[in-house]
Amino acid sequence: MVIEMSTGMIRGLGTVVVFVAFVGLTLWVFSAKRSPEFAEARLLPFADEPQSDITEAPVTRSTRP
């Protein structure tokens, strides 16, 4: 038996696949066991950059002509 797949069926299956991936990703993100890992990653933008050994005065530029 040969089943012909119409465009509508292919789009419907694609929608189901994307929906299942969305639900899976949502459950993974909001999982309680991932909370400490995400709490650490949430603070990464505020991590200090390593201090350089050179202590020069900051260079400032004037905006006057």
N, C-alpha and C. Protein backbone atom coordinates (compact mmCIF):
# COMPACT_ATOMS: atom_id res chain seq x y z
N MET A 1 0.83 -1.17 0.00
CA MET A 1 0.00 0.00 0.00
C MET A 1 0.88 1.24 0.00
N VAL A 2 0.65 2.12 -0.93
CA VAL A 2 1.44 3.35 -1.07
C VAL A 2 0.61 4.51 -0.54
N ILE A 3 1.20 5.28 0.35
CA ILE A 3 0.52 6.44 0.91
C ILE A 3 1.13 7.68 0.28
N GLU A 4 0.30 8.46 -0.37
CA GLU A 4 0.80 9.70 -0.94
C GLU A 4 0.75 10.79 0.13
N MET A 5 1.83 11.54 0.22
CA MET A 5 1.89 12.61 1.21
C MET A 5 1.62 13.94 0.51
N SER A 6 0.57 14.58 0.92
CA SER A 6 0.23 15.87 0.34
C SER A 6 1.04 16.96 1.04
N THR A 7 1.00 18.12 0.45
CA THR A 7 1.72 19.27 1.03
C THR A 7 1.17 19.59 2.41
N GLY A 8 -0.13 19.49 2.57
CA GLY A 8 -0.75 19.77 3.87
C GLY A 8 -0.29 18.80 4.95
N MET A 9 -0.13 17.53 4.59
CA MET A 9 0.32 16.54 5.56
C MET A 9 1.78 16.79 5.95
N ILE A 10 2.59 17.15 4.99
CA ILE A 10 4.01 17.44 5.28
C ILE A 10 4.10 18.65 6.20
N ARG A 11 3.34 19.69 5.91
CA ARG A 11 3.33 20.87 6.78
C ARG A 11 2.81 20.53 8.17
N GLY A 12 1.80 19.70 8.25
CA GLY A 12 1.26 19.28 9.54
C GLY A 12 2.28 18.51 10.36
N LEU A 13 2.99 17.60 9.71
CA LEU A 13 4.04 16.85 10.41
C LEU A 13 5.17 17.76 10.86
N GLY A 14 5.51 18.74 10.02
CA GLY A 14 6.53 19.72 10.40
C GLY A 14 6.10 20.52 11.61
N THR A 15 4.83 20.89 11.65
CA THR A 15 4.30 21.63 12.80
C THR A 15 4.36 20.78 14.07
N VAL A 16 4.02 19.51 13.96
CA VAL A 16 4.08 18.61 15.12
C VAL A 16 5.52 18.46 15.61
N VAL A 17 6.47 18.32 14.70
CA VAL A 17 7.88 18.18 15.09
C VAL A 17 8.37 19.43 15.80
N VAL A 18 8.04 20.60 15.28
CA VAL A 18 8.47 21.86 15.91
C VAL A 18 7.79 22.03 17.27
N PHE A 19 6.52 21.65 17.38
CA PHE A 19 5.82 21.76 18.66
C PHE A 19 6.44 20.84 19.71
N VAL A 20 6.75 19.62 19.32
CA VAL A 20 7.38 18.67 20.26
C VAL A 20 8.76 19.19 20.69
N ALA A 21 9.52 19.76 19.75
CA ALA A 21 10.83 20.34 20.10
C ALA A 21 10.65 21.52 21.05
N PHE A 22 9.65 22.35 20.83
CA PHE A 22 9.39 23.49 21.71
C PHE A 22 9.03 23.03 23.11
N VAL A 23 8.17 22.05 23.23
CA VAL A 23 7.78 21.55 24.55
C VAL A 23 8.98 20.92 25.25
N GLY A 24 9.78 20.16 24.52
CA GLY A 24 10.97 19.54 25.10
C GLY A 24 11.96 20.58 25.58
N LEU A 25 12.21 21.60 24.79
CA LEU A 25 13.14 22.66 25.18
C LEU A 25 12.61 23.43 26.39
N THR A 26 11.32 23.69 26.42
CA THR A 26 10.72 24.39 27.55
C THR A 26 10.86 23.58 28.84
N LEU A 27 10.61 22.28 28.77
CA LEU A 27 10.78 21.43 29.95
C LEU A 27 12.23 21.37 30.39
N TRP A 28 13.16 21.36 29.44
CA TRP A 28 14.58 21.31 29.77
C TRP A 28 15.02 22.60 30.45
N VAL A 29 14.57 23.74 29.92
CA VAL A 29 14.99 25.03 30.47
C VAL A 29 14.44 25.24 31.88
N PHE A 30 13.20 24.87 32.11
CA PHE A 30 12.58 25.11 33.40
C PHE A 30 12.71 23.93 34.36
N SER A 31 13.57 22.99 34.05
CA SER A 31 13.82 21.85 34.93
C SER A 31 14.51 22.33 36.20
N ALA A 32 14.12 21.81 37.34
CA ALA A 32 14.68 22.23 38.62
C ALA A 32 16.15 21.84 38.75
N LYS A 33 16.55 20.73 38.16
CA LYS A 33 17.95 20.31 38.31
C LYS A 33 18.90 21.16 37.48
N ARG A 34 18.40 21.94 36.54
CA ARG A 34 19.24 22.83 35.73
C ARG A 34 19.37 24.22 36.36
N SER A 35 18.62 24.51 37.40
CA SER A 35 18.59 25.84 37.99
C SER A 35 19.97 26.35 38.42
N PRO A 36 20.79 25.56 39.14
CA PRO A 36 22.11 26.08 39.53
C PRO A 36 23.02 26.39 38.33
N GLU A 37 22.94 25.57 37.30
CA GLU A 37 23.75 25.80 36.11
C GLU A 37 23.35 27.10 35.41
N PHE A 38 22.05 27.34 35.30
CA PHE A 38 21.59 28.56 34.66
C PHE A 38 21.81 29.78 35.55
N ALA A 39 21.78 29.61 36.87
CA ALA A 39 22.05 30.73 37.77
C ALA A 39 23.49 31.21 37.60
N GLU A 40 24.40 30.27 37.42
CA GLU A 40 25.80 30.64 37.19
C GLU A 40 25.97 31.30 35.82
N ALA A 41 25.33 30.76 34.81
CA ALA A 41 25.44 31.32 33.47
C ALA A 41 24.79 32.71 33.39
N ARG A 42 23.78 32.94 34.20
CA ARG A 42 23.10 34.23 34.20
C ARG A 42 24.02 35.36 34.64
N LEU A 43 25.03 35.04 35.46
CA LEU A 43 25.94 36.06 35.98
C LEU A 43 27.19 36.24 35.14
N LEU A 44 27.36 35.45 34.08
CA LEU A 44 28.56 35.56 33.25
C LEU A 44 28.81 36.94 32.66
N PRO A 45 27.82 37.70 32.23
CA PRO A 45 28.12 39.03 31.69
C PRO A 45 28.74 39.98 32.71
N PHE A 46 28.56 39.69 33.99
CA PHE A 46 29.09 40.56 35.03
C PHE A 46 30.42 40.07 35.59
N ALA A 47 30.96 39.01 35.03
CA ALA A 47 32.24 38.49 35.51
C ALA A 47 33.33 39.51 35.23
N ASP A 48 34.24 39.64 36.18
CA ASP A 48 35.33 40.60 36.02
C ASP A 48 36.32 40.11 34.99
N GLU A 49 36.83 41.05 34.23
CA GLU A 49 37.89 40.72 33.30
C GLU A 49 39.20 40.64 34.08
N PRO A 50 40.15 39.84 33.59
CA PRO A 50 41.42 39.75 34.32
C PRO A 50 42.14 41.09 34.33
N GLN A 51 42.74 41.41 35.46
CA GLN A 51 43.45 42.67 35.61
C GLN A 51 44.79 42.59 34.88
N SER A 52 45.14 43.65 34.17
CA SER A 52 46.44 43.69 33.50
C SER A 52 47.48 44.23 34.46
N ASP A 53 48.74 43.91 34.22
CA ASP A 53 49.83 44.36 35.08
C ASP A 53 50.19 45.81 34.82
N ILE A 54 49.82 46.35 33.69
CA ILE A 54 50.15 47.72 33.33
C ILE A 54 49.13 48.65 33.97
N THR A 55 49.63 49.64 34.72
CA THR A 55 48.73 50.59 35.37
C THR A 55 48.93 51.96 34.73
N GLU A 56 48.36 52.15 33.60
CA GLU A 56 48.44 53.43 32.91
C GLU A 56 47.16 54.22 33.18
N ALA A 57 47.30 55.53 33.04
CA ALA A 57 46.12 56.38 33.17
C ALA A 57 45.24 56.17 31.95
N PRO A 58 43.95 56.17 32.14
CA PRO A 58 43.07 55.96 30.98
C PRO A 58 43.20 57.12 29.99
N VAL A 59 43.16 56.79 28.73
CA VAL A 59 43.26 57.80 27.68
C VAL A 59 41.87 58.35 27.43
N THR A 60 41.77 59.67 27.51
CA THR A 60 40.48 60.31 27.24
C THR A 60 40.59 61.15 25.98
N ARG A 61 39.50 61.23 25.27
CA ARG A 61 39.48 62.01 24.04
C ARG A 61 38.51 63.16 24.20
N SER A 62 38.90 64.30 23.72
CA SER A 62 38.03 65.45 23.77
C SER A 62 37.10 65.44 22.56
N THR A 63 35.90 65.91 22.76
CA THR A 63 34.95 65.99 21.66
C THR A 63 34.94 67.40 21.06
N ARG A 64 35.77 68.28 21.60
CA ARG A 64 35.84 69.64 21.08
C ARG A 64 36.70 69.68 19.83
N PRO A 65 36.36 70.58 18.90
CA PRO A 65 37.18 70.69 17.68
C PRO A 65 38.51 71.33 17.91
